[in-house]
Structures are given as structure tokens and as C-alpha cells.
PDB file of N, CA and C in Angstrom:
ATOM      1  N   UNK A   1     -10.142   8.221   3.504  1.00  0.00           N
ATOM      2  CA  UNK A   1      -9.329   8.762   2.743  1.00  0.00           C
ATOM      3  C   UNK A   1      -9.707   9.729   1.685  1.00  0.00           C
ATOM      4  N   UNK A   2      -8.539  10.802   1.302  1.00  0.00           N
ATOM      5  CA  UNK A   2      -8.916  12.063   1.174  1.00  0.00           C
ATOM      6  C   UNK A   2      -8.459  11.797  -0.457  1.00  0.00           C
ATOM      7  N   UNK A   3      -9.270  12.444  -1.321  1.00  0.00           N
ATOM      8  CA  UNK A   3      -8.799  12.503  -2.741  1.00  0.00           C
ATOM      9  C   UNK A   3      -7.713  13.363  -3.361  1.00  0.00           C
ATOM     10  N   UNK A   4      -6.949  14.079  -2.606  1.00  0.00           N
ATOM     11  CA  UNK A   4      -6.227  14.736  -3.132  1.00  0.00           C
ATOM     12  C   UNK A   4      -5.201  13.812  -2.758  1.00  0.00           C
ATOM     13  N   UNK A   5      -4.710  13.097  -1.781  1.00  0.00           N
ATOM     14  CA  UNK A   5      -4.109  12.078  -1.417  1.00  0.00           C
ATOM     15  C   UNK A   5      -3.828  11.105  -2.574  1.00  0.00           C
ATOM     16  N   UNK A   6      -5.002  10.779  -2.979  1.00  0.00           N
ATOM     17  CA  UNK A   6      -5.078   9.710  -3.862  1.00  0.00           C
ATOM     18  C   UNK A   6      -4.917   9.888  -5.283  1.00  0.00           C
ATOM     19  N   UNK A   7      -5.099  11.179  -5.867  1.00  0.00           N
ATOM     20  CA  UNK A   7      -4.677  12.069  -6.800  1.00  0.00           C
ATOM     21  C   UNK A   7      -3.292  12.457  -6.667  1.00  0.00           C
ATOM     22  N   UNK A   8      -2.726  12.418  -5.633  1.00  0.00           N
ATOM     23  CA  UNK A   8      -0.966  12.381  -5.872  1.00  0.00           C
ATOM     24  C   UNK A   8      -0.097  10.965  -6.247  1.00  0.00           C
ATOM     25  N   UNK A   9      -0.928   9.822  -5.721  1.00  0.00           N
ATOM     26  CA  UNK A   9      -0.618   8.921  -5.854  1.00  0.00           C
ATOM     27  C   UNK A   9      -0.503   8.454  -7.193  1.00  0.00           C
ATOM     28  N   UNK A  10      -2.102   8.737  -7.853  1.00  0.00           N
ATOM     29  CA  UNK A  10      -2.021   8.518  -9.148  1.00  0.00           C
ATOM     30  C   UNK A  10      -0.461   9.621 -10.092  1.00  0.00           C
ATOM     31  N   UNK A  11      -0.388  10.792  -9.578  1.00  0.00           N
ATOM     32  CA  UNK A  11       0.214  11.624 -10.081  1.00  0.00           C
ATOM     33  C   UNK A  11       1.507  10.735 -10.383  1.00  0.00           C
ATOM     34  N   UNK A  12       2.109  10.356  -8.948  1.00  0.00           N
ATOM     35  CA  UNK A  12       3.342   9.696  -8.860  1.00  0.00           C
ATOM     36  C   UNK A  12       3.440   8.485  -9.583  1.00  0.00           C
ATOM     37  N   UNK A  13       2.497   8.066 -10.003  1.00  0.00           N
ATOM     38  CA  UNK A  13       2.821   6.343 -10.472  1.00  0.00           C
ATOM     39  C   UNK A  13       2.552   6.929 -12.301  1.00  0.00           C
ATOM     40  N   UNK A  14       1.800   8.189 -12.224  1.00  0.00           N
ATOM     41  CA  UNK A  14       1.715   8.326 -13.817  1.00  0.00           C
ATOM     42  C   UNK A  14       3.771   9.181 -14.243  1.00  0.00           C
ATOM     43  N   UNK A  15       4.318   9.804 -13.727  1.00  0.00           N
ATOM     44  CA  UNK A  15       5.420   9.835 -13.790  1.00  0.00           C
ATOM     45  C   UNK A  15       6.106   9.029 -14.007  1.00  0.00           C
ATOM     46  N   UNK A  16       6.019   7.853 -12.900  1.00  0.00           N
ATOM     47  CA  UNK A  16       6.996   6.827 -13.070  1.00  0.00           C
ATOM     48  C   UNK A  16       6.732   6.119 -14.553  1.00  0.00           C
ATOM     49  N   UNK A  17       5.406   6.182 -15.055  1.00  0.00           N
ATOM     50  CA  UNK A  17       4.858   5.641 -16.433  1.00  0.00           C
ATOM     51  C   UNK A  17       5.848   6.270 -17.387  1.00  0.00           C
ATOM     52  N   UNK A  18       6.113   7.804 -17.363  1.00  0.00           N
ATOM     53  CA  UNK A  18       6.374   8.486 -18.385  1.00  0.00           C
ATOM     54  C   UNK A  18       7.902   7.938 -18.508  1.00  0.00           C
ATOM     55  N   UNK A  19       8.415   7.696 -17.435  1.00  0.00           N
ATOM     56  CA  UNK A  19       9.932   7.230 -17.251  1.00  0.00           C
ATOM     57  C   UNK A  19      10.237   6.054 -17.858  1.00  0.00           C
ATOM     58  N   UNK A  20       9.267   5.280 -17.209  1.00  0.00           N
ATOM     59  CA  UNK A  20       9.658   3.705 -18.346  1.00  0.00           C
ATOM     60  C   UNK A  20       9.448   4.044 -19.713  1.00  0.00           C
ATOM     61  N   UNK A  21       8.465   4.518 -19.898  1.00  0.00           N
ATOM     62  CA  UNK A  21       8.080   4.691 -21.468  1.00  0.00           C
ATOM     63  C   UNK A  21       8.940   5.355 -22.327  1.00  0.00           C
ATOM     64  N   UNK A  22       9.633   6.471 -21.715  1.00  0.00           N
ATOM     65  CA  UNK A  22      10.666   6.547 -22.403  1.00  0.00           C
ATOM     66  C   UNK A  22      12.531   5.971 -22.204  1.00  0.00           C
ATOM     67  N   UNK A  23      12.284   5.297 -21.270  1.00  0.00           N
ATOM     68  CA  UNK A  23      12.902   4.229 -21.395  1.00  0.00           C
ATOM     69  C   UNK A  23      12.996   3.120 -22.377  1.00  0.00           C
ATOM     70  N   UNK A  24      11.669   2.917 -22.523  1.00  0.00           N
ATOM     71  CA  UNK A  24      11.139   2.083 -23.384  1.00  0.00           C
ATOM     72  C   UNK A  24      11.656   2.043 -24.863  1.00  0.00           C
ATOM     73  N   UNK A  25      10.880   3.283 -25.208  1.00  0.00           N
ATOM     74  CA  UNK A  25      10.915   4.201 -26.295  1.00  0.00           C
ATOM     75  C   UNK A  25      12.214   4.457 -26.864  1.00  0.00           C
ATOM     76  N   UNK A  26      13.082   4.755 -26.204  1.00  0.00           N
ATOM     77  CA  UNK A  26      14.206   5.175 -26.254  1.00  0.00           C
ATOM     78  C   UNK A  26      15.561   4.469 -26.438  1.00  0.00           C
ATOM     79  N   UNK A  27      15.033   3.475 -25.603  1.00  0.00           N
ATOM     80  CA  UNK A  27      15.904   2.325 -25.365  1.00  0.00           C
ATOM     81  C   UNK A  27      17.558   3.070 -24.564  1.00  0.00           C
ATOM     82  N   UNK A  28      17.247   4.246 -23.688  1.00  0.00           N
ATOM     83  CA  UNK A  28      17.896   4.742 -23.084  1.00  0.00           C
ATOM     84  C   UNK A  28      18.119   4.072 -21.371  1.00  0.00           C
ATOM     85  N   UNK A  29      18.922   3.379 -20.865  1.00  0.00           N
ATOM     86  CA  UNK A  29      19.009   2.894 -19.692  1.00  0.00           C
ATOM     87  C   UNK A  29      18.550   4.130 -18.632  1.00  0.00           C
ATOM     88  N   UNK A  30      19.085   5.097 -18.798  1.00  0.00           N
ATOM     89  CA  UNK A  30      19.121   6.499 -17.730  1.00  0.00           C
ATOM     90  C   UNK A  30      18.220   6.742 -17.287  1.00  0.00           C
ATOM     91  N   UNK A  31      16.725   6.459 -17.805  1.00  0.00           N
ATOM     92  CA  UNK A  31      15.599   6.455 -17.365  1.00  0.00           C
ATOM     93  C   UNK A  31      15.269   5.755 -16.852  1.00  0.00           C
ATOM     94  N   UNK A  32      15.220   4.265 -16.701  1.00  0.00           N
ATOM     95  CA  UNK A  32      14.985   3.401 -16.163  1.00  0.00           C
ATOM     96  C   UNK A  32      15.226   3.786 -14.273  1.00  0.00           C
ATOM     97  N   UNK A  33      16.349   3.682 -14.039  1.00  0.00           N
ATOM     98  CA  UNK A  33      16.815   3.602 -12.479  1.00  0.00           C
ATOM     99  C   UNK A  33      15.699   4.717 -12.167  1.00  0.00           C
ATOM    100  N   UNK A  34      15.678   5.835 -12.699  1.00  0.00           N
ATOM    101  CA  UNK A  34      14.520   7.128 -12.188  1.00  0.00           C
ATOM    102  C   UNK A  34      12.966   6.407 -12.158  1.00  0.00           C
ATOM    103  N   UNK A  35      12.619   5.808 -13.243  1.00  0.00           N
ATOM    104  CA  UNK A  35      11.673   5.254 -13.046  1.00  0.00           C
ATOM    105  C   UNK A  35      10.891   4.202 -12.346  1.00  0.00           C
ATOM    106  N   UNK A  36      12.109   3.220 -11.959  1.00  0.00           N
ATOM    107  CA  UNK A  36      12.147   2.337 -10.820  1.00  0.00           C
ATOM    108  C   UNK A  36      11.907   2.869  -9.618  1.00  0.00           C
ATOM    109  N   UNK A  37      12.707   3.772  -9.282  1.00  0.00           N
ATOM    110  CA  UNK A  37      13.082   4.824  -8.255  1.00  0.00           C
ATOM    111  C   UNK A  37      11.497   5.488  -8.047  1.00  0.00           C
ATOM    112  N   UNK A  38      11.012   5.753  -8.678  1.00  0.00           N
ATOM    113  CA  UNK A  38       9.469   6.829  -8.420  1.00  0.00           C
ATOM    114  C   UNK A  38       8.403   5.824  -8.216  1.00  0.00           C
ATOM    115  N   UNK A  39       8.680   4.547  -9.135  1.00  0.00           N
ATOM    116  CA  UNK A  39       7.135   3.489  -9.202  1.00  0.00           C
ATOM    117  C   UNK A  39       7.816   3.403  -7.594  1.00  0.00           C
ATOM    118  N   UNK A  40       8.628   3.108  -7.045  1.00  0.00           N
ATOM    119  CA  UNK A  40       9.119   2.532  -5.537  1.00  0.00           C
ATOM    120  C   UNK A  40       8.807   3.246  -4.383  1.00  0.00           C
ATOM    121  N   UNK A  41       9.011   4.543  -4.750  1.00  0.00           N
ATOM    122  CA  UNK A  41       8.414   5.566  -3.763  1.00  0.00           C
ATOM    123  C   UNK A  41       6.912   5.665  -3.623  1.00  0.00           C
ATOM    124  N   UNK A  42       6.350   5.788  -5.345  1.00  0.00           N
ATOM    125  CA  UNK A  42       4.779   5.733  -5.467  1.00  0.00           C
ATOM    126  C   UNK A  42       3.990   4.661  -4.760  1.00  0.00           C
ATOM    127  N   UNK A  43       4.934   3.288  -4.965  1.00  0.00           N
ATOM    128  CA  UNK A  43       4.655   2.111  -3.682  1.00  0.00           C
ATOM    129  C   UNK A  43       4.495   2.565  -2.505  1.00  0.00           C
ATOM    130  N   UNK A  44       5.741   3.081  -1.888  1.00  0.00           N
ATOM    131  CA  UNK A  44       5.145   3.402  -0.522  1.00  0.00           C
ATOM    132  C   UNK A  44       4.396   4.307  -0.170  1.00  0.00           C
ATOM    133  N   UNK A  45       4.299   5.047  -0.751  1.00  0.00           N
ATOM    134  CA  UNK A  45       3.213   6.370  -0.430  1.00  0.00           C
ATOM    135  C   UNK A  45       1.806   5.827  -0.542  1.00  0.00           C
ATOM    136  N   UNK A  46       1.469   4.959  -1.596  1.00  0.00           N
ATOM    137  CA  UNK A  46       0.277   4.136  -1.820  1.00  0.00           C
ATOM    138  C   UNK A  46       0.298   3.310  -0.125  1.00  0.00           C
ATOM    139  N   UNK A  47       1.157   2.518   0.105  1.00  0.00           N
ATOM    140  CA  UNK A  47       1.326   1.741   1.403  1.00  0.00           C
ATOM    141  C   UNK A  47       0.788   2.845   2.403  1.00  0.00           C
ATOM    142  N   UNK A  48       1.129   3.502   2.621  1.00  0.00           N
ATOM    143  CA  UNK A  48       1.517   4.259   4.107  1.00  0.00           C
ATOM    144  C   UNK A  48      -0.130   4.765   3.793  1.00  0.00           C
ATOM    145  N   UNK A  49      -0.961   5.077   2.749  1.00  0.00           N
ATOM    146  CA  UNK A  49      -1.978   5.265   2.329  1.00  0.00           C
ATOM    147  C   UNK A  49      -2.866   4.642   2.890  1.00  0.00           C
ATOM    148  N   UNK A  50      -2.632   3.440   2.592  1.00  0.00           N
ATOM    149  CA  UNK A  50      -3.502   2.387   3.355  1.00  0.00           C
ATOM    150  C   UNK A  50      -3.376   2.095   4.435  1.00  0.00           C
ATOM    151  N   UNK A  51      -1.545   2.210   4.930  1.00  0.00           N
ATOM    152  CA  UNK A  51      -1.863   2.080   6.849  1.00  0.00           C
ATOM    153  C   UNK A  51      -2.736   3.059   7.374  1.00  0.00           C
ATOM    154  N   UNK A  52      -2.667   4.380   7.046  1.00  0.00           N
ATOM    155  CA  UNK A  52      -3.544   5.333   7.671  1.00  0.00           C
ATOM    156  C   UNK A  52      -4.943   5.390   7.544  1.00  0.00           C
ATOM    157  N   UNK A  53      -5.512   4.586   6.586  1.00  0.00           N
ATOM    158  CA  UNK A  53      -6.592   3.838   6.615  1.00  0.00           C
ATOM    159  C   UNK A  53      -7.058   2.915   7.529  1.00  0.00           C
ATOM    160  N   UNK A  54      -5.856   1.906   7.661  1.00  0.00           N
ATOM    161  CA  UNK A  54      -5.926   0.794   8.880  1.00  0.00           C
ATOM    162  C   UNK A  54      -6.390   1.536  10.268  1.00  0.00           C
ATOM    163  N   UNK A  55      -5.263   2.334  10.019  1.00  0.00           N
ATOM    164  CA  UNK A  55      -5.326   3.066  11.789  1.00  0.00           C
ATOM    165  C   UNK A  55      -6.207   3.993  12.391  1.00  0.00           C
ATOM    166  N   UNK A  56      -6.849   4.834  11.178  1.00  0.00           N
ATOM    167  CA  UNK A  56      -7.904   5.523  11.090  1.00  0.00           C
ATOM    168  C   UNK A  56      -9.400   4.479  11.629  1.00  0.00           C
ATOM    169  N   UNK A  57      -9.273   3.610  10.970  1.00  0.00           N
ATOM    170  CA  UNK A  57     -10.813   2.613  11.404  1.00  0.00           C
ATOM    171  C   UNK A  57     -10.168   1.537  12.430  1.00  0.00           C
ATOM    172  N   UNK A  58      -9.028   1.371  12.948  1.00  0.00           N
ATOM    173  CA  UNK A  58      -8.438   0.415  13.585  1.00  0.00           C
ATOM    174  C   UNK A  58      -8.744  -0.989  13.052  1.00  0.00           C
ATOM    175  N   UNK A  59      -9.394  -1.193  12.447  1.00  0.00           N
ATOM    176  CA  UNK A  59      -9.422  -2.828  11.627  1.00  0.00           C
ATOM    177  C   UNK A  59      -9.135  -2.777   9.807  1.00  0.00           C
ATOM    178  N   UNK A  60      -9.417  -3.414   9.145  1.00  0.00           N
ATOM    179  CA  UNK A  60      -8.894  -3.838   7.791  1.00  0.00           C
ATOM    180  C   UNK A  60      -9.979  -4.108   7.324  1.00  0.00           C
ATOM    181  N   UNK A  61     -10.611  -3.300   7.025  1.00  0.00           N
ATOM    182  CA  UNK A  61     -12.388  -2.981   6.554  1.00  0.00           C
ATOM    183  C   UNK A  61     -12.397  -2.586   4.913  1.00  0.00           C
ATOM    184  N   UNK A  62     -12.760  -3.190   4.168  1.00  0.00           N
ATOM    185  CA  UNK A  62     -12.916  -2.235   2.730  1.00  0.00           C
ATOM    186  C   UNK A  62     -14.611  -1.891   2.884  1.00  0.00           C
ATOM    187  N   UNK A  63     -14.931  -1.035   3.368  1.00  0.00           N
ATOM    188  CA  UNK A  63     -15.512  -0.342   3.298  1.00  0.00           C
ATOM    189  C   UNK A  63     -16.752   0.214   2.046  1.00  0.00           C
ATOM    190  N   UNK A  64     -15.948   0.620   1.037  1.00  0.00           N
ATOM    191  CA  UNK A  64     -16.596   1.282  -0.316  1.00  0.00           C
ATOM    192  C   UNK A  64     -15.563   0.755  -1.155  1.00  0.00           C
ATOM    193  N   UNK A  65     -16.409   1.154  -2.321  1.00  0.00           N
ATOM    194  CA  UNK A  65     -16.251   0.955  -3.841  1.00  0.00           C
ATOM    195  C   UNK A  65     -14.797   1.767  -3.925  1.00  0.00           C
ATOM    196  N   UNK A  66     -14.026   2.832  -3.695  1.00  0.00           N
ATOM    197  CA  UNK A  66     -13.420   3.215  -3.329  1.00  0.00           C
ATOM    198  C   UNK A  66     -12.032   2.723  -2.802  1.00  0.00           C
ATOM    199  N   UNK A  67     -12.253   2.452  -1.800  1.00  0.00           N
ATOM    200  CA  UNK A  67     -11.591   2.016  -0.919  1.00  0.00           C
ATOM    201  C   UNK A  67     -11.176  -0.021  -1.262  1.00  0.00           C
ATOM    202  N   UNK A  68     -12.033  -0.088  -2.473  1.00  0.00           N
ATOM    203  CA  UNK A  68     -11.631  -1.703  -3.057  1.00  0.00           C
ATOM    204  C   UNK A  68     -11.068  -1.572  -3.845  1.00  0.00           C
ATOM    205  N   UNK A  69     -11.180  -0.397  -4.810  1.00  0.00           N
ATOM    206  CA  UNK A  69     -10.255  -0.164  -5.874  1.00  0.00           C
ATOM    207  C   UNK A  69      -8.980   0.160  -5.262  1.00  0.00           C
ATOM    208  N   UNK A  70      -8.676   0.822  -4.219  1.00  0.00           N
ATOM    209  CA  UNK A  70      -7.310   1.418  -3.845  1.00  0.00           C
ATOM    210  C   UNK A  70      -6.923  -0.280  -3.267  1.00  0.00           C
ATOM    211  N   UNK A  71      -7.289  -0.565  -2.750  1.00  0.00           N
ATOM    212  CA  UNK A  71      -6.810  -2.267  -2.505  1.00  0.00           C
ATOM    213  C   UNK A  71      -5.941  -2.835  -3.367  1.00  0.00           C
ATOM    214  N   UNK A  72      -6.897  -3.020  -5.138  1.00  0.00           N
ATOM    215  CA  UNK A  72      -6.496  -3.899  -5.810  1.00  0.00           C
ATOM    216  C   UNK A  72      -5.335  -3.333  -6.262  1.00  0.00           C
ATOM    217  N   UNK A  73      -5.762  -2.026  -6.741  1.00  0.00           N
ATOM    218  CA  UNK A  73      -4.730  -1.658  -7.347  1.00  0.00           C
ATOM    219  C   UNK A  73      -2.780  -1.673  -6.606  1.00  0.00           C
ATOM    220  N   UNK A  74      -3.222  -1.611  -5.077  1.00  0.00           N
ATOM    221  CA  UNK A  74      -1.832  -1.729  -4.577  1.00  0.00           C
ATOM    222  C   UNK A  74      -1.313  -2.928  -4.599  1.00  0.00           C
ATOM    223  N   UNK A  75      -2.092  -4.020  -4.597  1.00  0.00           N
ATOM    224  CA  UNK A  75      -1.734  -5.138  -4.637  1.00  0.00           C
ATOM    225  C   UNK A  75      -1.125  -5.611  -6.237  1.00  0.00           C
ATOM    226  N   UNK A  76      -1.828  -4.937  -7.036  1.00  0.00           N
ATOM    227  CA  UNK A  76      -1.833  -5.352  -8.663  1.00  0.00           C
ATOM    228  C   UNK A  76      -0.201  -5.026  -8.746  1.00  0.00           C
ATOM    229  N   UNK A  77       0.145  -3.720  -8.532  1.00  0.00           N
ATOM    230  CA  UNK A  77       1.331  -2.352  -8.470  1.00  0.00           C
ATOM    231  C   UNK A  77       2.391  -3.483  -7.377  1.00  0.00           C
ATOM    232  N   UNK A  78       2.142  -3.686  -6.410  1.00  0.00           N
ATOM    233  CA  UNK A  78       3.011  -4.525  -5.893  1.00  0.00           C
ATOM    234  C   UNK A  78       3.486  -5.782  -6.177  1.00  0.00           C
ATOM    235  N   UNK A  79       2.744  -6.615  -7.064  1.00  0.00           N
ATOM    236  CA  UNK A  79       2.986  -7.901  -7.158  1.00  0.00           C
ATOM    237  C   UNK A  79       3.731  -7.612  -8.581  1.00  0.00           C
ATOM    238  N   UNK A  80       3.347  -6.703  -8.845  1.00  0.00           N
ATOM    239  CA  UNK A  80       4.181  -6.773 -10.627  1.00  0.00           C
ATOM    240  C   UNK A  80       5.514  -6.239 -10.174  1.00  0.00           C
ATOM    241  N   UNK A  81       5.341  -4.987  -9.098  1.00  0.00           N
ATOM    242  CA  UNK A  81       7.146  -4.682  -9.238  1.00  0.00           C
ATOM    243  C   UNK A  81       7.742  -5.817  -8.248  1.00  0.00           C
ATOM    244  N   UNK A  82       7.185  -6.768  -7.653  1.00  0.00           N
ATOM    245  CA  UNK A  82       8.175  -7.829  -6.773  1.00  0.00           C
ATOM    246  C   UNK A  82       8.574  -9.080  -8.086  1.00  0.00           C
ATOM    247  N   UNK A  83       7.627  -9.018  -9.147  1.00  0.00           N
ATOM    248  CA  UNK A  83       7.781  -9.838  -9.968  1.00  0.00           C
ATOM    249  C   UNK A  83       8.961  -9.489 -10.950  1.00  0.00           C
ATOM    250  N   UNK A  84       8.762  -8.290 -11.208  1.00  0.00           N
ATOM    251  CA  UNK A  84       9.733  -7.409 -12.023  1.00  0.00           C
ATOM    252  C   UNK A  84      11.661  -7.854 -11.495  1.00  0.00           C
ATOM    253  N   UNK A  85      10.997  -7.321 -10.080  1.00  0.00           N
ATOM    254  CA  UNK A  85      12.630  -7.380  -9.657  1.00  0.00           C
ATOM    255  C   UNK A  85      13.380  -8.557  -9.290  1.00  0.00           C
ATOM    256  N   UNK A  86      12.566  -9.950  -8.970  1.00  0.00           N
ATOM    257  CA  UNK A  86      12.592 -10.958  -8.629  1.00  0.00           C
ATOM    258  C   UNK A  86      13.457 -12.169 -10.027  1.00  0.00           C
ATOM    259  N   UNK A  87      12.508 -11.418 -11.233  1.00  0.00           N
ATOM    260  CA  UNK A  87      13.156 -12.260 -12.304  1.00  0.00           C
ATOM    261  C   UNK A  87      14.029 -11.422 -13.573  1.00  0.00           C
ATOM    262  N   UNK A  88      14.205 -10.436 -12.660  1.00  0.00           N
ATOM    263  CA  UNK A  88      15.198  -8.917 -13.180  1.00  0.00           C
ATOM    264  C   UNK A  88      14.801  -8.819 -14.702  1.00  0.00           C
ATOM    265  N   UNK A  89      13.407  -9.026 -14.969  1.00  0.00           N
ATOM    266  CA  UNK A  89      12.802  -8.475 -16.300  1.00  0.00           C
ATOM    267  C   UNK A  89      12.760  -7.080 -16.300  1.00  0.00           C
ATOM    268  N   UNK A  90      12.651  -6.407 -17.392  1.00  0.00           N
ATOM    269  CA  UNK A  90      12.399  -5.150 -17.513  1.00  0.00           C
ATOM    270  C   UNK A  90      11.112  -4.719 -18.302  1.00  0.00           C
ATOM    271  N   UNK A  91      10.470  -3.338 -18.054  1.00  0.00           N
ATOM    272  CA  UNK A  91       9.426  -3.237 -18.434  1.00  0.00           C
ATOM    273  C   UNK A  91       8.234  -3.970 -18.130  1.00  0.00           C
ATOM    274  N   UNK A  92       8.200  -4.766 -17.380  1.00  0.00           N
ATOM    275  CA  UNK A  92       6.370  -5.187 -16.816  1.00  0.00           C
ATOM    276  C   UNK A  92       5.615  -4.357 -16.196  1.00  0.00           C
ATOM    277  N   UNK A  93       6.579  -3.153 -15.270  1.00  0.00           N
ATOM    278  CA  UNK A  93       5.480  -2.191 -14.940  1.00  0.00           C
ATOM    279  C   UNK A  93       4.795  -1.192 -16.338  1.00  0.00           C
ATOM    280  N   UNK A  94       5.385  -1.349 -17.172  1.00  0.00           N
ATOM    281  CA  UNK A  94       5.203  -0.433 -18.436  1.00  0.00           C
ATOM    282  C   UNK A  94       3.742  -1.004 -18.775  1.00  0.00           C
ATOM    283  N   UNK A  95       3.455  -2.363 -18.561  1.00  0.00           N
ATOM    284  CA  UNK A  95       1.986  -2.764 -19.096  1.00  0.00           C
ATOM    285  C   UNK A  95       0.804  -2.497 -18.073  1.00  0.00           C
ATOM    286  N   UNK A  96       1.408  -2.869 -16.336  1.00  0.00           N
ATOM    287  CA  UNK A  96       0.531  -2.911 -15.491  1.00  0.00           C
ATOM    288  C   UNK A  96       0.329  -1.563 -15.159  1.00  0.00           C
ATOM    289  N   UNK A  97       1.148  -0.321 -15.155  1.00  0.00           N
ATOM    290  CA  UNK A  97       1.176   0.930 -14.822  1.00  0.00           C
ATOM    291  C   UNK A  97      -0.346   1.300 -14.989  1.00  0.00           C
ATOM    292  N   UNK A  98      -0.149   1.328 -16.266  1.00  0.00           N
ATOM    293  CA  UNK A  98      -1.481   2.188 -16.795  1.00  0.00           C
ATOM    294  C   UNK A  98      -3.081   1.578 -16.080  1.00  0.00           C
ATOM    295  N   UNK A  99      -3.325   0.113 -16.109  1.00  0.00           N
ATOM    296  CA  UNK A  99      -3.631  -0.379 -15.167  1.00  0.00           C
ATOM    297  C   UNK A  99      -4.436   0.246 -13.712  1.00  0.00           C
ATOM    298  N   UNK A 100      -2.945   0.173 -12.874  1.00  0.00           N
ATOM    299  CA  UNK A 100      -2.951   0.688 -11.831  1.00  0.00           C
ATOM    300  C   UNK A 100      -3.608   2.463 -11.541  1.00  0.00           C
ATOM    301  N   UNK A 101      -2.818   2.654 -12.785  1.00  0.00           N
ATOM    302  CA  UNK A 101      -3.299   4.660 -12.740  1.00  0.00           C
ATOM    303  C   UNK A 101      -4.693   4.566 -13.021  1.00  0.00           C
ATOM    304  N   UNK A 102      -5.482   3.841 -13.792  1.00  0.00           N
ATOM    305  CA  UNK A 102      -6.714   3.979 -13.938  1.00  0.00           C
ATOM    306  C   UNK A 102      -7.784   3.357 -12.553  1.00  0.00           C
ATOM    307  N   UNK A 103      -7.238   2.258 -11.982  1.00  0.00           N
ATOM    308  CA  UNK A 103      -8.039   2.107 -10.914  1.00  0.00           C
ATOM    309  C   UNK A 103      -7.993   3.149  -9.769  1.00  0.00           C
ATOM    310  N   UNK A 104      -6.495   4.425 -10.000  1.00  0.00           N
ATOM    311  CA  UNK A 104      -6.316   4.864  -9.051  1.00  0.00           C
ATOM    312  C   UNK A 104      -6.765   6.315  -9.134  1.00  0.00           C
ATOM    313  N   UNK A 105      -7.316   6.450 -10.614  1.00  0.00           N
ATOM    314  CA  UNK A 105      -7.900   7.519 -10.587  1.00  0.00           C
ATOM    315  C   UNK A 105      -9.439   7.747 -10.391  1.00  0.00           C
ATOM    316  N   UNK A 106      -9.466   6.253 -10.577  1.00  0.00           N
ATOM    317  CA  UNK A 106     -11.012   5.710 -10.479  1.00  0.00           C
ATOM    318  C   UNK A 106     -11.566   6.067  -8.713  1.00  0.00           C
ATOM    319  N   UNK A 107     -10.324   5.601  -8.138  1.00  0.00           N
ATOM    320  CA  UNK A 107     -10.801   5.436  -6.706  1.00  0.00           C
ATOM    321  C   UNK A 107     -10.602   7.237  -5.748  1.00  0.00           C
ATOM    322  N   UNK A 108     -10.059   7.857  -6.610  1.00  0.00           N
ATOM    323  CA  UNK A 108      -9.919   9.287  -6.546  1.00  0.00           C
ATOM    324  C   UNK A 108     -10.986   9.950  -6.376  1.00  0.00           C
ATOM    325  N   UNK A 109     -11.943   9.891  -7.733  1.00  0.00           N
ATOM    326  CA  UNK A 109     -13.074   9.903  -8.279  1.00  0.00           C
ATOM    327  C   UNK A 109     -13.811   9.914  -7.590  1.00  0.00           C
ATOM    328  N   UNK A 110     -14.232   8.401  -7.063  1.00  0.00           N
ATOM    329  CA  UNK A 110     -15.385   8.033  -6.073  1.00  0.00           C
ATOM    330  C   UNK A 110     -14.954   8.133  -4.715  1.00  0.00           C
ATOM    331  N   UNK A 111     -14.015   8.530  -4.042  1.00  0.00           N
ATOM    332  CA  UNK A 111     -13.928   9.145  -3.073  1.00  0.00           C
ATOM    333  C   UNK A 111     -14.370  10.129  -2.912  1.00  0.00           C
ATOM    334  N   UNK A 112     -13.759  10.798  -3.746  1.00  0.00           N
ATOM    335  CA  UNK A 112     -14.340  12.817  -3.907  1.00  0.00           C
ATOM    336  C   UNK A 112     -15.960  12.614  -3.982  1.00  0.00           C
ATOM    337  N   UNK A 113     -16.413  11.569  -4.547  1.00  0.00           N
ATOM    338  CA  UNK A 113     -18.146  11.683  -4.879  1.00  0.00           C
ATOM    339  C   UNK A 113     -18.617  11.167  -3.384  1.00  0.00           C
ATOM    340  N   UNK A 114     -18.104  10.404  -3.047  1.00  0.00           N
ATOM    341  CA  UNK A 114     -18.449   9.727  -1.552  1.00  0.00           C
ATOM    342  C   UNK A 114     -18.264  10.994  -0.626  1.00  0.00           C
ATOM    343  N   UNK A 115     -17.587  11.704  -0.422  1.00  0.00           N
ATOM    344  CA  UNK A 115     -17.097  12.809   0.449  1.00  0.00           C
ATOM    345  C   UNK A 115     -18.347  13.980   0.266  1.00  0.00           C
ATOM    346  N   UNK A 116     -18.378  14.172  -0.900  1.00  0.00           N
ATOM    347  CA  UNK A 116     -19.285  15.141  -1.424  1.00  0.00           C
ATOM    348  C   UNK A 116     -20.922  14.523  -0.848  1.00  0.00           C
ATOM    349  N   UNK A 117     -20.993  13.461  -1.171  1.00  0.00           N
ATOM    350  CA  UNK A 117     -22.308  12.809  -0.709  1.00  0.00           C
ATOM    351  C   UNK A 117     -22.786  12.805   0.774  1.00  0.00           C
ATOM    352  N   UNK A 118     -21.279  12.364   1.868  1.00  0.00           N
ATOM    353  CA  UNK A 118     -21.755  13.146   3.226  1.00  0.00           C
ATOM    354  C   UNK A 118     -21.952  14.136   3.451  1.00  0.00           C
ATOM    355  N   UNK A 119     -21.063  15.065   2.792  1.00  0.00           N
ATOM    356  CA  UNK A 119     -21.375  16.806   3.102  1.00  0.00           C
ATOM    357  C   UNK A 119     -22.985  17.065   2.685  1.00  0.00           C
ATOM    358  N   UNK A 120     -23.557  16.355   1.592  1.00  0.00           N
ATOM    359  CA  UNK A 120     -24.984  16.877   1.169  1.00  0.00           C
ATOM    360  C   UNK A 120     -25.875  16.182   1.999  1.00  0.00           C
ATOM    361  N   UNK A 121     -25.549  15.079   2.423  1.00  0.00           N
ATOM    362  CA  UNK A 121     -26.436  13.568   3.645  1.00  0.00           C
ATOM    363  C   UNK A 121     -26.556  14.713   5.076  1.00  0.00           C
ATOM    364  N   UNK A 122     -25.848  15.180   5.508  1.00  0.00           N
ATOM    365  CA  UNK A 122     -25.466  16.037   6.821  1.00  0.00           C
ATOM    366  C   UNK A 122     -26.266  16.845   7.171  1.00  0.00           C
TER     367      UNK A 122
END
């Protein structure tokens, strides 16, 4: 799991959060649709990252703390997105996205630290 891809997923979630926040604060619906689209694309990128991790290991195993945090954050945002979509509520993701962003950032930092640790031990 590369830290640059995790940082890119974090950045995409951050942009989606900014659009959600602008839509909420300005009460402007023109920011809501792009926010939802950006978060959906971020979820797809996050899923692709997990799928590539699965294909790399040929099994679904969470071997490190960074991978565990990554999987937990994915399911957190996926559940929030589905609940918001099914119940037609707005701005549920406004409250769950900051937690997911923190988890993605921590996973990126931890994966970078693990990669540096592997280089040092070799």
C-alpha cells in the first residue's frame, strides 16, 4: 500500500468535505451535487486501492495497522454514504468525513513509516 495513493484518497475526501461544508454553510444546493460526486469517486478510488491490495496478496488479510485503519475508514464512509443515499438525508457525510479523513491520513503516515522501516532493515 503506497502512501502517495493514500494521500491522494485523503485529498479527494478533503475536497469533498470542503464542498459539503460550503453547501451546508451557504445553504446553496449547487455545491451539494459536486460534493456527492467527489465523495463517490473517492469511495471508488478507495475501493480500488483495497482491491489492488487484495490482488497483490491473493487473500484478504489485514497485516498492519495502516491496512486495518484503511479498511475501517472505507467501511465507515461506505456505510455513511449508503445511509445518506437511502434515507435521502443531507449532510450526514459532513460529520463522518472528518473522521474518515483522519483515519486515511493516519494510514498514509503509518504506511510510509512501515515502508521506511522495511528499507532500513534491508
